[in-house]
């Protein structure tokens, strides 16, 4: 809503929600003489309601209906590749910057340096069966790559830069390339 009596036309926002990208209105707020409220909006660019914050920079490669994100999740700058399976993220899971969840594999060129076994198509990419399931209450550190098919339990912490290729049970701390459980909490 516009506030008419403030010089330079400032916009007041609801403080009960969360804003996705505060950078967009930084210039507008800096030009204001008065700031009445901080604004918070729980919507992504495309208008899809996901229930929490910081998902504008996330990128979905494939059919968006294959991605399910629970309440109170933050997917800061995460890339979701849903070409070869579904991704299901339960409630209260937080991602650091620049994570990748990859269900798909890329197309393969059979050139001089590579060979395929008989019976496999050169450009074959699976369409199903490489699902990723992440439990509730997880923290996925910055730069983590999760390659499906994989199931990550509840309350798991994955250290920055790790590559997860195997299932992880509940309440574990995972680090490394490939990701290994180093402790339970």
N, C-alpha and C. Protein backbone atom coordinates (compact mmCIF):
# COMPACT_ATOMS: atom_id res chain seq x y z
N UNK A 1 0.85 -1.16 0.00
CA UNK A 1 0.00 0.00 0.00
C UNK A 1 0.89 1.22 0.00
N UNK A 2 0.49 2.26 -0.67
CA UNK A 2 1.28 3.48 -0.72
C UNK A 2 0.93 4.37 0.46
N UNK A 3 1.92 4.97 1.05
CA UNK A 3 1.72 5.91 2.13
C UNK A 3 1.80 7.30 1.51
N UNK A 4 0.69 8.03 1.53
CA UNK A 4 0.61 9.28 0.80
C UNK A 4 1.38 10.43 1.43
N UNK A 5 1.48 10.48 2.74
CA UNK A 5 2.04 11.65 3.41
C UNK A 5 3.54 11.57 3.66
N UNK A 6 4.22 10.67 3.04
CA UNK A 6 5.67 10.56 3.20
C UNK A 6 6.31 11.07 1.93
N UNK A 7 7.31 11.93 2.10
CA UNK A 7 7.96 12.46 0.91
C UNK A 7 8.68 11.34 0.17
N UNK A 8 8.77 11.47 -1.12
CA UNK A 8 9.41 10.52 -2.02
C UNK A 8 8.70 9.18 -2.07
N UNK A 9 7.44 9.11 -1.67
CA UNK A 9 6.58 7.93 -1.84
C UNK A 9 7.22 6.62 -1.39
N UNK A 10 7.18 6.34 -0.13
CA UNK A 10 7.68 5.08 0.40
C UNK A 10 6.54 4.07 0.46
N UNK A 11 6.90 2.81 0.40
CA UNK A 11 5.90 1.75 0.46
C UNK A 11 6.03 1.04 1.80
N UNK A 12 4.91 0.86 2.49
CA UNK A 12 4.91 0.11 3.75
C UNK A 12 4.52 -1.32 3.45
N UNK A 13 5.15 -2.25 4.10
CA UNK A 13 4.92 -3.66 3.85
C UNK A 13 4.53 -4.38 5.13
N UNK A 14 3.93 -5.52 4.97
CA UNK A 14 3.53 -6.35 6.10
C UNK A 14 4.76 -6.98 6.75
N UNK A 15 4.85 -6.92 8.07
CA UNK A 15 6.01 -7.47 8.76
C UNK A 15 5.81 -8.91 9.20
N UNK A 16 4.71 -9.52 8.87
CA UNK A 16 4.45 -10.90 9.30
C UNK A 16 4.97 -11.93 8.32
N UNK A 17 5.46 -11.51 7.20
CA UNK A 17 5.94 -12.43 6.18
C UNK A 17 7.41 -12.17 5.90
N UNK A 18 7.96 -12.85 4.91
CA UNK A 18 9.38 -12.70 4.63
C UNK A 18 9.61 -12.33 3.18
N UNK A 19 10.57 -11.47 2.93
CA UNK A 19 10.90 -11.04 1.57
C UNK A 19 11.92 -11.97 0.95
N UNK A 20 11.74 -12.22 -0.33
CA UNK A 20 12.66 -13.09 -1.05
C UNK A 20 13.95 -12.37 -1.40
N UNK A 21 13.84 -11.24 -2.03
CA UNK A 21 15.02 -10.55 -2.52
C UNK A 21 15.01 -9.09 -2.08
N UNK A 22 15.61 -8.77 -0.95
CA UNK A 22 15.59 -7.39 -0.48
C UNK A 22 16.40 -6.44 -1.36
N UNK A 23 17.28 -6.96 -2.22
CA UNK A 23 18.11 -6.09 -3.06
C UNK A 23 17.26 -5.27 -4.02
N UNK A 24 16.14 -5.83 -4.47
CA UNK A 24 15.32 -5.14 -5.46
C UNK A 24 14.76 -3.83 -4.94
N UNK A 25 14.45 -3.75 -3.68
CA UNK A 25 13.86 -2.52 -3.19
C UNK A 25 14.82 -1.71 -2.35
N UNK A 26 16.07 -2.11 -2.26
CA UNK A 26 17.04 -1.34 -1.50
C UNK A 26 17.09 0.11 -1.96
N UNK A 27 17.11 0.31 -3.27
CA UNK A 27 17.18 1.66 -3.80
C UNK A 27 15.96 2.47 -3.39
N UNK A 28 14.78 1.84 -3.45
CA UNK A 28 13.56 2.54 -3.07
C UNK A 28 13.59 2.92 -1.59
N UNK A 29 14.05 2.02 -0.74
CA UNK A 29 14.09 2.31 0.69
C UNK A 29 15.13 3.37 1.01
N UNK A 30 16.26 3.37 0.30
CA UNK A 30 17.29 4.36 0.56
C UNK A 30 16.82 5.76 0.17
N UNK A 31 15.90 5.85 -0.78
CA UNK A 31 15.40 7.14 -1.22
C UNK A 31 14.33 7.69 -0.28
N UNK A 32 13.86 6.91 0.65
CA UNK A 32 12.79 7.32 1.55
C UNK A 32 13.34 8.14 2.71
N UNK A 33 12.55 9.13 3.14
CA UNK A 33 12.91 9.89 4.34
C UNK A 33 12.55 9.10 5.59
N UNK A 34 11.50 8.30 5.51
CA UNK A 34 11.03 7.51 6.63
C UNK A 34 10.80 6.09 6.17
N UNK A 35 11.14 5.14 7.01
CA UNK A 35 10.81 3.75 6.70
C UNK A 35 9.88 3.28 7.81
N UNK A 36 8.67 2.90 7.44
CA UNK A 36 7.68 2.53 8.44
C UNK A 36 7.78 1.06 8.82
N UNK A 37 7.87 0.17 7.85
CA UNK A 37 7.92 -1.27 8.09
C UNK A 37 8.97 -1.91 7.19
N UNK A 38 9.50 -3.00 7.65
CA UNK A 38 10.26 -3.86 6.76
C UNK A 38 9.26 -4.73 6.04
N UNK A 39 9.53 -5.09 4.81
CA UNK A 39 8.57 -5.91 4.12
C UNK A 39 9.06 -7.34 4.01
N UNK A 40 8.11 -8.24 3.95
CA UNK A 40 8.41 -9.67 3.85
C UNK A 40 7.30 -10.30 3.01
N UNK A 41 7.68 -10.97 1.96
CA UNK A 41 6.70 -11.62 1.09
C UNK A 41 7.12 -13.05 0.83
N UNK A 42 6.25 -14.03 1.04
CA UNK A 42 6.64 -15.44 0.90
C UNK A 42 6.40 -16.01 -0.49
N UNK A 43 6.73 -15.28 -1.56
CA UNK A 43 6.48 -15.76 -2.91
C UNK A 43 7.77 -15.81 -3.71
N UNK A 44 7.87 -16.76 -4.64
CA UNK A 44 9.01 -16.77 -5.54
C UNK A 44 8.65 -16.00 -6.80
N UNK A 45 9.61 -15.83 -7.69
CA UNK A 45 9.41 -15.07 -8.92
C UNK A 45 8.15 -15.47 -9.67
N UNK A 46 7.95 -16.77 -9.83
CA UNK A 46 6.86 -17.26 -10.66
C UNK A 46 5.53 -17.27 -9.93
N UNK A 47 5.50 -16.81 -8.69
CA UNK A 47 4.27 -16.76 -7.93
C UNK A 47 3.93 -18.04 -7.22
N UNK A 48 4.83 -18.99 -7.18
CA UNK A 48 4.57 -20.26 -6.52
C UNK A 48 4.77 -20.10 -5.02
N UNK A 49 3.79 -20.49 -4.23
CA UNK A 49 3.88 -20.39 -2.78
C UNK A 49 4.66 -21.58 -2.26
N UNK A 50 5.75 -21.32 -1.56
CA UNK A 50 6.54 -22.39 -0.98
C UNK A 50 6.66 -22.27 0.53
N UNK A 51 6.23 -21.16 1.11
CA UNK A 51 6.12 -21.09 2.54
C UNK A 51 7.26 -20.50 3.33
N UNK A 52 8.35 -20.05 2.69
CA UNK A 52 9.41 -19.45 3.51
C UNK A 52 10.22 -18.48 2.70
N UNK A 53 11.50 -18.38 2.94
CA UNK A 53 12.28 -17.27 2.41
C UNK A 53 13.38 -17.70 1.45
N UNK A 54 13.94 -16.73 0.78
CA UNK A 54 15.15 -16.87 -0.03
C UNK A 54 15.11 -17.97 -1.07
N UNK A 55 14.23 -17.87 -2.02
CA UNK A 55 14.22 -18.85 -3.08
C UNK A 55 14.20 -18.23 -4.46
N UNK A 56 14.28 -16.92 -4.56
CA UNK A 56 14.18 -16.29 -5.86
C UNK A 56 15.29 -16.73 -6.79
N UNK A 57 16.49 -16.88 -6.31
CA UNK A 57 17.59 -17.22 -7.17
C UNK A 57 17.69 -18.72 -7.46
N UNK A 58 16.83 -19.49 -6.85
CA UNK A 58 16.84 -20.92 -7.13
C UNK A 58 16.41 -21.17 -8.57
N UNK A 59 16.96 -22.23 -9.16
CA UNK A 59 16.67 -22.54 -10.55
C UNK A 59 16.16 -23.97 -10.63
N UNK A 60 15.04 -24.15 -11.32
CA UNK A 60 14.46 -25.48 -11.49
C UNK A 60 14.64 -25.89 -12.94
N UNK A 61 15.41 -26.95 -13.17
CA UNK A 61 15.64 -27.46 -14.52
C UNK A 61 14.78 -28.70 -14.70
N UNK A 62 13.75 -28.60 -15.51
CA UNK A 62 12.82 -29.70 -15.71
C UNK A 62 11.42 -29.31 -15.30
N UNK A 63 10.58 -30.30 -15.12
CA UNK A 63 9.17 -30.08 -14.79
C UNK A 63 9.02 -29.64 -13.34
N UNK A 64 8.50 -28.43 -13.12
CA UNK A 64 8.37 -27.88 -11.77
C UNK A 64 7.49 -28.72 -10.86
N UNK A 65 6.58 -29.49 -11.41
CA UNK A 65 5.69 -30.30 -10.57
C UNK A 65 6.43 -31.45 -9.88
N UNK A 66 7.65 -31.73 -10.30
CA UNK A 66 8.45 -32.79 -9.68
C UNK A 66 9.19 -32.32 -8.43
N UNK A 67 9.12 -31.03 -8.13
CA UNK A 67 9.79 -30.46 -6.96
C UNK A 67 8.75 -30.14 -5.89
N UNK A 68 8.94 -30.69 -4.70
CA UNK A 68 8.05 -30.42 -3.58
C UNK A 68 8.90 -29.94 -2.41
N UNK A 69 8.57 -28.73 -1.92
CA UNK A 69 9.33 -28.13 -0.83
C UNK A 69 8.37 -27.88 0.33
N UNK A 70 8.75 -28.33 1.53
CA UNK A 70 7.92 -28.19 2.71
C UNK A 70 7.92 -26.78 3.28
N UNK A 71 7.26 -26.63 4.42
CA UNK A 71 7.15 -25.33 5.09
C UNK A 71 8.47 -24.97 5.75
N UNK A 72 8.71 -23.67 5.86
CA UNK A 72 9.88 -23.11 6.55
C UNK A 72 11.20 -23.60 5.97
N UNK A 73 11.26 -23.71 4.66
CA UNK A 73 12.51 -24.11 3.98
C UNK A 73 13.13 -22.88 3.32
N UNK A 74 14.45 -22.84 3.30
CA UNK A 74 15.17 -21.78 2.63
C UNK A 74 16.10 -22.42 1.60
N UNK A 75 15.94 -22.05 0.34
CA UNK A 75 16.70 -22.68 -0.74
C UNK A 75 17.58 -21.66 -1.46
N UNK A 76 18.35 -20.91 -0.75
CA UNK A 76 19.16 -19.83 -1.29
C UNK A 76 20.03 -20.30 -2.46
N UNK A 77 19.80 -19.75 -3.64
CA UNK A 77 20.62 -20.00 -4.84
C UNK A 77 20.78 -21.47 -5.19
N UNK A 78 19.83 -22.30 -4.89
CA UNK A 78 19.95 -23.73 -5.16
C UNK A 78 19.48 -24.06 -6.57
N UNK A 79 20.18 -25.00 -7.21
CA UNK A 79 19.79 -25.50 -8.52
C UNK A 79 19.12 -26.85 -8.32
N UNK A 80 17.91 -27.00 -8.85
CA UNK A 80 17.17 -28.26 -8.78
C UNK A 80 17.07 -28.83 -10.18
N UNK A 81 17.67 -29.99 -10.42
CA UNK A 81 17.54 -30.67 -11.70
C UNK A 81 16.57 -31.83 -11.49
N UNK A 82 15.37 -31.70 -12.04
CA UNK A 82 14.33 -32.72 -11.85
C UNK A 82 14.03 -33.48 -13.14
N UNK A 83 15.00 -33.55 -14.04
CA UNK A 83 14.79 -34.25 -15.31
C UNK A 83 14.61 -35.75 -15.15
N UNK A 84 15.26 -36.36 -14.17
CA UNK A 84 15.26 -37.82 -14.06
C UNK A 84 14.64 -38.33 -12.77
N UNK A 85 13.90 -37.51 -12.08
CA UNK A 85 13.27 -37.95 -10.84
C UNK A 85 12.66 -36.79 -10.08
N UNK A 86 12.02 -37.12 -8.96
CA UNK A 86 11.38 -36.12 -8.11
C UNK A 86 12.34 -35.68 -7.01
N UNK A 87 12.15 -34.46 -6.55
CA UNK A 87 12.87 -33.96 -5.38
C UNK A 87 11.82 -33.58 -4.35
N UNK A 88 11.95 -34.15 -3.15
CA UNK A 88 11.00 -33.88 -2.07
C UNK A 88 11.80 -33.42 -0.86
N UNK A 89 11.56 -32.17 -0.45
CA UNK A 89 12.26 -31.59 0.70
C UNK A 89 11.22 -31.37 1.79
N UNK A 90 11.44 -31.96 2.95
CA UNK A 90 10.49 -31.84 4.06
C UNK A 90 10.66 -30.49 4.76
N UNK A 91 9.83 -30.25 5.78
CA UNK A 91 9.79 -28.98 6.50
C UNK A 91 11.10 -28.64 7.20
N UNK A 92 11.31 -27.33 7.39
CA UNK A 92 12.40 -26.78 8.21
C UNK A 92 13.80 -27.16 7.73
N UNK A 93 13.98 -27.29 6.43
CA UNK A 93 15.30 -27.58 5.87
C UNK A 93 15.89 -26.30 5.29
N UNK A 94 17.16 -26.07 5.56
CA UNK A 94 17.82 -24.84 5.13
C UNK A 94 19.03 -25.18 4.27
N UNK A 95 19.16 -24.50 3.13
CA UNK A 95 20.28 -24.68 2.22
C UNK A 95 21.19 -23.45 2.28
N UNK A 96 22.50 -23.68 2.24
CA UNK A 96 23.44 -22.58 2.07
C UNK A 96 23.43 -22.15 0.61
N UNK A 97 24.30 -21.23 0.27
CA UNK A 97 24.37 -20.72 -1.10
C UNK A 97 24.93 -21.76 -2.07
N UNK A 98 24.43 -21.71 -3.31
CA UNK A 98 24.98 -22.44 -4.45
C UNK A 98 25.00 -23.96 -4.29
N UNK A 99 23.94 -24.52 -3.76
CA UNK A 99 23.81 -25.98 -3.68
C UNK A 99 23.21 -26.50 -4.98
N UNK A 100 23.45 -27.78 -5.28
CA UNK A 100 22.88 -28.41 -6.46
C UNK A 100 22.26 -29.74 -6.07
N UNK A 101 21.01 -29.96 -6.47
CA UNK A 101 20.34 -31.24 -6.29
C UNK A 101 20.09 -31.78 -7.68
N UNK A 102 20.79 -32.86 -8.04
CA UNK A 102 20.80 -33.35 -9.41
C UNK A 102 20.19 -34.73 -9.50
N UNK A 103 19.02 -34.83 -10.10
CA UNK A 103 18.44 -36.14 -10.36
C UNK A 103 18.87 -36.64 -11.72
N UNK A 104 19.17 -35.73 -12.62
CA UNK A 104 19.45 -36.10 -13.99
C UNK A 104 20.91 -36.34 -14.28
N UNK A 105 21.12 -37.03 -15.36
CA UNK A 105 22.46 -37.19 -15.90
C UNK A 105 22.48 -36.46 -17.23
N UNK A 106 23.63 -36.20 -17.74
CA UNK A 106 23.70 -35.47 -19.01
C UNK A 106 23.76 -36.44 -20.19
N UNK A 107 23.53 -35.90 -21.37
CA UNK A 107 23.64 -36.72 -22.57
C UNK A 107 25.10 -37.07 -22.80
N UNK A 108 25.32 -38.19 -23.43
CA UNK A 108 26.67 -38.72 -23.58
C UNK A 108 27.03 -38.82 -25.05
N UNK A 109 28.22 -38.38 -25.41
CA UNK A 109 28.68 -38.48 -26.79
C UNK A 109 29.71 -39.60 -26.87
N UNK A 110 29.49 -40.53 -27.75
CA UNK A 110 30.39 -41.67 -27.91
C UNK A 110 31.47 -41.30 -28.93
N UNK A 111 32.54 -40.67 -28.45
CA UNK A 111 33.61 -40.24 -29.33
C UNK A 111 34.82 -41.15 -29.25
N UNK A 112 35.97 -40.64 -29.68
CA UNK A 112 37.20 -41.42 -29.71
C UNK A 112 37.65 -41.85 -28.32
N UNK A 113 37.44 -41.00 -27.32
CA UNK A 113 37.94 -41.29 -25.98
C UNK A 113 36.94 -42.02 -25.10
N UNK A 114 35.74 -42.23 -25.57
CA UNK A 114 34.72 -42.88 -24.73
C UNK A 114 34.05 -44.01 -25.50
N UNK A 115 33.63 -45.00 -24.77
CA UNK A 115 32.89 -46.09 -25.42
C UNK A 115 31.76 -46.53 -24.51
N UNK A 116 30.70 -47.00 -25.12
CA UNK A 116 29.54 -47.49 -24.38
C UNK A 116 29.42 -48.99 -24.56
N UNK A 117 28.81 -49.64 -23.60
CA UNK A 117 28.54 -51.07 -23.75
C UNK A 117 27.38 -51.26 -24.71
N UNK A 118 27.29 -52.43 -25.29
CA UNK A 118 26.22 -52.70 -26.24
C UNK A 118 24.87 -52.64 -25.55
N UNK A 119 23.88 -52.18 -26.28
CA UNK A 119 22.52 -52.12 -25.76
C UNK A 119 22.16 -50.80 -25.10
N UNK A 120 23.10 -49.87 -24.97
CA UNK A 120 22.81 -48.57 -24.37
C UNK A 120 22.86 -47.51 -25.45
N UNK A 121 21.82 -46.68 -25.47
CA UNK A 121 21.79 -45.59 -26.44
C UNK A 121 22.80 -44.52 -26.05
N UNK A 122 23.35 -43.85 -27.03
CA UNK A 122 24.35 -42.82 -26.77
C UNK A 122 23.74 -41.66 -26.00
N UNK A 123 22.55 -41.23 -26.37
CA UNK A 123 21.95 -40.06 -25.75
C UNK A 123 20.87 -40.43 -24.74
N UNK A 124 20.95 -41.59 -24.16
CA UNK A 124 19.93 -42.03 -23.22
C UNK A 124 20.04 -41.27 -21.89
N UNK A 125 18.94 -40.66 -21.48
CA UNK A 125 18.85 -40.00 -20.19
C UNK A 125 17.64 -40.56 -19.48
N UNK A 126 17.79 -41.14 -18.27
CA UNK A 126 16.63 -41.70 -17.59
C UNK A 126 15.63 -40.62 -17.22
N UNK A 127 14.34 -40.96 -17.28
CA UNK A 127 13.31 -39.99 -16.95
C UNK A 127 12.76 -40.17 -15.54
N UNK A 128 12.98 -41.32 -14.93
CA UNK A 128 12.49 -41.58 -13.57
C UNK A 128 13.51 -42.42 -12.81
N UNK A 129 13.26 -42.58 -11.51
CA UNK A 129 14.05 -43.49 -10.72
C UNK A 129 15.27 -42.91 -10.04
N UNK A 130 15.50 -41.61 -10.17
CA UNK A 130 16.67 -41.00 -9.54
C UNK A 130 16.23 -39.94 -8.52
N UNK A 131 15.22 -40.29 -7.71
CA UNK A 131 14.61 -39.36 -6.77
C UNK A 131 15.55 -38.95 -5.65
N UNK A 132 15.34 -37.74 -5.16
CA UNK A 132 16.06 -37.22 -3.99
C UNK A 132 15.03 -36.89 -2.93
N UNK A 133 15.20 -37.43 -1.73
CA UNK A 133 14.32 -37.15 -0.59
C UNK A 133 15.17 -36.60 0.54
N UNK A 134 14.82 -35.42 1.02
CA UNK A 134 15.54 -34.80 2.13
C UNK A 134 14.56 -34.64 3.28
N UNK A 135 14.92 -35.17 4.45
CA UNK A 135 14.06 -35.14 5.62
C UNK A 135 13.91 -33.75 6.22
N UNK A 136 13.17 -33.66 7.32
CA UNK A 136 12.92 -32.37 7.96
C UNK A 136 14.06 -32.00 8.90
N UNK A 137 14.22 -30.69 9.10
CA UNK A 137 15.21 -30.18 10.04
C UNK A 137 16.64 -30.32 9.60
N UNK A 138 16.89 -30.43 8.31
CA UNK A 138 18.26 -30.60 7.81
C UNK A 138 18.91 -29.25 7.53
N UNK A 139 20.22 -29.22 7.60
CA UNK A 139 20.99 -28.06 7.16
C UNK A 139 21.98 -28.53 6.11
N UNK A 140 21.87 -27.96 4.91
CA UNK A 140 22.73 -28.31 3.79
C UNK A 140 23.68 -27.13 3.58
N UNK A 141 24.97 -27.31 3.84
CA UNK A 141 25.94 -26.22 3.76
C UNK A 141 26.14 -25.70 2.34
N UNK A 142 26.78 -24.56 2.23
CA UNK A 142 27.02 -23.92 0.93
C UNK A 142 27.84 -24.82 0.01
N UNK A 143 27.47 -24.83 -1.26
CA UNK A 143 28.22 -25.56 -2.27
C UNK A 143 28.05 -27.06 -2.26
N UNK A 144 27.08 -27.57 -1.53
CA UNK A 144 26.85 -29.02 -1.48
C UNK A 144 26.21 -29.49 -2.78
N UNK A 145 26.64 -30.65 -3.26
CA UNK A 145 26.04 -31.29 -4.43
C UNK A 145 25.44 -32.61 -3.97
N UNK A 146 24.16 -32.80 -4.26
CA UNK A 146 23.47 -34.05 -3.92
C UNK A 146 23.06 -34.69 -5.24
N UNK A 147 23.57 -35.90 -5.49
CA UNK A 147 23.32 -36.60 -6.75
C UNK A 147 22.42 -37.79 -6.47
N UNK A 148 21.24 -37.79 -7.10
CA UNK A 148 20.26 -38.87 -6.88
C UNK A 148 20.63 -40.14 -7.60
N UNK A 149 20.05 -41.26 -7.23
CA UNK A 149 19.01 -41.39 -6.21
C UNK A 149 19.62 -41.42 -4.81
N UNK A 150 19.03 -40.65 -3.89
CA UNK A 150 19.54 -40.60 -2.53
C UNK A 150 18.41 -40.19 -1.58
N UNK A 151 18.47 -40.72 -0.35
CA UNK A 151 17.54 -40.34 0.71
C UNK A 151 18.37 -39.83 1.88
N UNK A 152 18.05 -38.62 2.32
CA UNK A 152 18.74 -38.01 3.46
C UNK A 152 17.73 -37.94 4.60
N UNK A 153 18.09 -38.47 5.76
CA UNK A 153 17.19 -38.55 6.90
C UNK A 153 16.90 -37.20 7.54
N UNK A 154 16.18 -37.23 8.66
CA UNK A 154 15.82 -36.02 9.40
C UNK A 154 17.02 -35.52 10.21
N UNK A 155 17.07 -34.20 10.41
CA UNK A 155 18.08 -33.55 11.26
C UNK A 155 19.52 -33.85 10.85
N UNK A 156 19.76 -33.93 9.56
CA UNK A 156 21.10 -34.18 9.03
C UNK A 156 21.79 -32.84 8.75
N UNK A 157 23.08 -32.77 9.04
CA UNK A 157 23.89 -31.61 8.71
C UNK A 157 24.92 -32.06 7.67
N UNK A 158 24.95 -31.36 6.53
CA UNK A 158 25.92 -31.67 5.48
C UNK A 158 26.87 -30.49 5.36
N UNK A 159 28.16 -30.75 5.55
CA UNK A 159 29.18 -29.70 5.53
C UNK A 159 29.37 -29.09 4.15
N UNK A 160 29.81 -27.86 4.12
CA UNK A 160 30.01 -27.11 2.88
C UNK A 160 30.93 -27.85 1.91
N UNK A 161 30.56 -27.82 0.63
CA UNK A 161 31.37 -28.41 -0.41
C UNK A 161 31.30 -29.92 -0.52
N UNK A 162 30.47 -30.57 0.27
CA UNK A 162 30.37 -32.03 0.22
C UNK A 162 29.61 -32.48 -1.01
N UNK A 163 29.88 -33.72 -1.44
CA UNK A 163 29.15 -34.33 -2.54
C UNK A 163 28.50 -35.60 -2.00
N UNK A 164 27.16 -35.60 -1.93
CA UNK A 164 26.43 -36.72 -1.36
C UNK A 164 25.89 -37.59 -2.48
N UNK A 165 26.30 -38.87 -2.48
CA UNK A 165 25.87 -39.81 -3.52
C UNK A 165 25.20 -41.04 -2.94
N UNK A 166 25.20 -41.18 -1.60
CA UNK A 166 24.61 -42.35 -0.94
C UNK A 166 23.64 -41.90 0.14
N UNK A 167 22.76 -42.81 0.54
CA UNK A 167 21.77 -42.51 1.57
C UNK A 167 22.44 -42.14 2.89
N UNK A 168 21.77 -41.25 3.64
CA UNK A 168 22.26 -40.80 4.94
C UNK A 168 21.14 -41.01 5.96
N UNK A 169 21.45 -41.66 7.09
CA UNK A 169 20.43 -41.90 8.11
C UNK A 169 20.19 -40.65 8.95
N UNK A 170 19.20 -40.70 9.84
CA UNK A 170 18.81 -39.56 10.67
C UNK A 170 19.95 -39.08 11.56
N UNK A 171 19.95 -37.78 11.85
CA UNK A 171 20.82 -37.13 12.84
C UNK A 171 22.31 -37.39 12.62
N UNK A 172 22.75 -37.29 11.39
CA UNK A 172 24.17 -37.49 11.07
C UNK A 172 24.81 -36.18 10.63
N UNK A 173 26.13 -36.14 10.76
CA UNK A 173 26.92 -35.04 10.25
C UNK A 173 27.78 -35.60 9.12
N UNK A 174 27.60 -35.05 7.90
CA UNK A 174 28.24 -35.59 6.70
C UNK A 174 29.17 -34.54 6.11
N UNK A 175 30.40 -34.95 5.76
CA UNK A 175 31.33 -34.05 5.07
C UNK A 175 32.16 -34.84 4.07
N UNK A 176 32.75 -34.13 3.13
CA UNK A 176 33.72 -34.73 2.22
C UNK A 176 33.21 -35.01 0.83
N UNK A 177 34.16 -35.46 -0.01
CA UNK A 177 33.88 -35.86 -1.38
C UNK A 177 34.44 -37.26 -1.56
N UNK A 178 33.65 -38.27 -1.67
CA UNK A 178 32.19 -38.28 -1.49
C UNK A 178 31.83 -38.11 -0.02
N UNK A 179 30.60 -37.69 0.24
CA UNK A 179 30.15 -37.43 1.60
C UNK A 179 30.20 -38.66 2.49
N UNK A 180 30.80 -38.51 3.66
CA UNK A 180 30.88 -39.61 4.63
C UNK A 180 30.35 -39.13 5.97
N UNK A 181 29.69 -40.03 6.69
CA UNK A 181 29.20 -39.71 8.03
C UNK A 181 30.39 -39.69 8.98
N UNK A 182 30.60 -38.55 9.65
CA UNK A 182 31.71 -38.48 10.60
C UNK A 182 31.23 -38.52 12.05
N UNK A 183 29.95 -38.23 12.28
CA UNK A 183 29.41 -38.35 13.63
C UNK A 183 27.89 -38.32 13.59
N UNK A 184 27.31 -38.75 14.70
CA UNK A 184 25.86 -38.66 14.88
C UNK A 184 25.62 -37.68 16.01
N UNK A 185 24.53 -36.94 15.91
CA UNK A 185 24.24 -35.97 16.97
C UNK A 185 22.84 -36.14 17.49
